[in-house]
């Protein structure tokens, strides 16, 4: 049986993602510009 991940209840700001992941916000924007990650519109 396949396990499903729980749904995300709230969206995170770029700052929150950066803090939780230990990378700079500018790094997140760079990764997004290179197509490595996507933001939710």
N, C-alpha and C. Protein backbone atom coordinates (compact mmCIF):
# COMPACT_ATOMS: atom_id res chain seq x y z
N UNK A 1 0.84 -1.18 0.00
CA UNK A 1 0.00 0.00 0.00
C UNK A 1 0.89 1.25 0.00
N UNK A 2 0.55 2.20 -0.84
CA UNK A 2 1.36 3.41 -0.96
C UNK A 2 0.97 4.43 0.10
N UNK A 3 1.98 4.99 0.77
CA UNK A 3 1.71 6.02 1.77
C UNK A 3 1.67 7.38 1.09
N UNK A 4 0.79 8.23 1.51
CA UNK A 4 0.68 9.57 0.96
C UNK A 4 1.19 10.58 1.97
N UNK A 5 1.80 11.63 1.46
CA UNK A 5 2.27 12.70 2.33
C UNK A 5 1.09 13.54 2.78
N UNK A 6 1.15 14.07 4.00
CA UNK A 6 0.05 14.93 4.45
C UNK A 6 -0.01 16.21 3.63
N UNK A 7 -1.19 16.74 3.47
CA UNK A 7 -1.36 17.99 2.72
C UNK A 7 -0.76 19.16 3.49
N UNK A 8 -0.23 20.10 2.75
CA UNK A 8 0.31 21.31 3.38
C UNK A 8 -0.86 22.21 3.76
N UNK A 9 -0.90 22.61 5.02
CA UNK A 9 -2.02 23.41 5.49
C UNK A 9 -1.81 24.90 5.28
N UNK A 10 -0.56 25.33 5.27
CA UNK A 10 -0.28 26.75 5.10
C UNK A 10 0.95 26.90 4.21
N UNK A 11 0.96 27.96 3.42
CA UNK A 11 2.10 28.23 2.56
C UNK A 11 3.18 28.95 3.36
N UNK A 12 4.42 28.74 2.97
CA UNK A 12 5.55 29.38 3.64
C UNK A 12 6.07 30.53 2.79
N UNK A 13 6.55 31.55 3.45
CA UNK A 13 7.20 32.65 2.74
C UNK A 13 8.61 32.20 2.36
N UNK A 14 9.23 32.90 1.39
CA UNK A 14 10.61 32.56 1.06
C UNK A 14 11.53 32.63 2.29
N UNK A 15 11.30 33.59 3.16
CA UNK A 15 12.10 33.71 4.37
C UNK A 15 11.95 32.51 5.29
N UNK A 16 10.73 32.01 5.42
CA UNK A 16 10.49 30.84 6.26
C UNK A 16 11.15 29.59 5.67
N UNK A 17 11.06 29.45 4.35
CA UNK A 17 11.70 28.31 3.69
C UNK A 17 13.20 28.39 3.88
N UNK A 18 13.77 29.59 3.71
CA UNK A 18 15.21 29.78 3.87
C UNK A 18 15.65 29.41 5.29
N UNK A 19 14.91 29.88 6.26
CA UNK A 19 15.27 29.60 7.66
C UNK A 19 15.20 28.11 7.97
N UNK A 20 14.14 27.46 7.50
CA UNK A 20 13.97 26.03 7.77
C UNK A 20 15.00 25.17 7.05
N UNK A 21 15.42 25.62 5.86
CA UNK A 21 16.34 24.81 5.06
C UNK A 21 17.80 25.19 5.26
N UNK A 22 18.05 26.34 5.89
CA UNK A 22 19.43 26.75 6.15
C UNK A 22 20.13 27.37 4.96
N UNK A 23 19.36 27.88 4.00
CA UNK A 23 19.96 28.57 2.85
C UNK A 23 19.43 30.00 2.81
N UNK A 24 20.14 30.86 2.09
CA UNK A 24 19.73 32.26 1.96
C UNK A 24 18.54 32.38 1.01
N UNK A 25 17.73 33.41 1.23
CA UNK A 25 16.61 33.69 0.33
C UNK A 25 17.12 33.89 -1.09
N UNK A 26 18.26 34.56 -1.23
CA UNK A 26 18.82 34.77 -2.56
C UNK A 26 19.16 33.45 -3.24
N UNK A 27 19.58 32.47 -2.46
CA UNK A 27 19.86 31.14 -3.02
C UNK A 27 18.58 30.50 -3.54
N UNK A 28 17.49 30.66 -2.80
CA UNK A 28 16.21 30.11 -3.25
C UNK A 28 15.80 30.74 -4.57
N UNK A 29 15.96 32.06 -4.68
CA UNK A 29 15.62 32.75 -5.93
C UNK A 29 16.52 32.27 -7.07
N UNK A 30 17.79 32.05 -6.78
CA UNK A 30 18.72 31.53 -7.79
C UNK A 30 18.28 30.15 -8.25
N UNK A 31 17.97 29.26 -7.30
CA UNK A 31 17.53 27.91 -7.64
C UNK A 31 16.26 27.95 -8.50
N UNK A 32 15.36 28.87 -8.15
CA UNK A 32 14.13 29.02 -8.93
C UNK A 32 14.43 29.48 -10.35
N UNK A 33 15.37 30.42 -10.50
CA UNK A 33 15.72 30.93 -11.83
C UNK A 33 16.35 29.85 -12.70
N UNK A 34 16.98 28.87 -12.08
CA UNK A 34 17.61 27.77 -12.81
C UNK A 34 16.65 26.59 -13.03
N UNK A 35 15.42 26.71 -12.51
CA UNK A 35 14.42 25.66 -12.69
C UNK A 35 14.56 24.50 -11.73
N UNK A 36 15.36 24.68 -10.67
CA UNK A 36 15.57 23.59 -9.71
C UNK A 36 14.42 23.46 -8.72
N UNK A 37 13.76 24.58 -8.43
CA UNK A 37 12.59 24.58 -7.56
C UNK A 37 11.54 25.47 -8.20
N UNK A 38 10.29 25.32 -7.78
CA UNK A 38 9.20 26.15 -8.29
C UNK A 38 8.47 26.79 -7.13
N UNK A 39 8.00 28.01 -7.36
CA UNK A 39 7.16 28.65 -6.36
C UNK A 39 5.70 28.44 -6.76
N UNK A 40 4.83 28.58 -5.81
CA UNK A 40 3.40 28.46 -6.07
C UNK A 40 2.86 29.87 -6.27
N UNK A 41 2.19 30.11 -7.41
CA UNK A 41 1.68 31.47 -7.68
C UNK A 41 0.59 31.89 -6.73
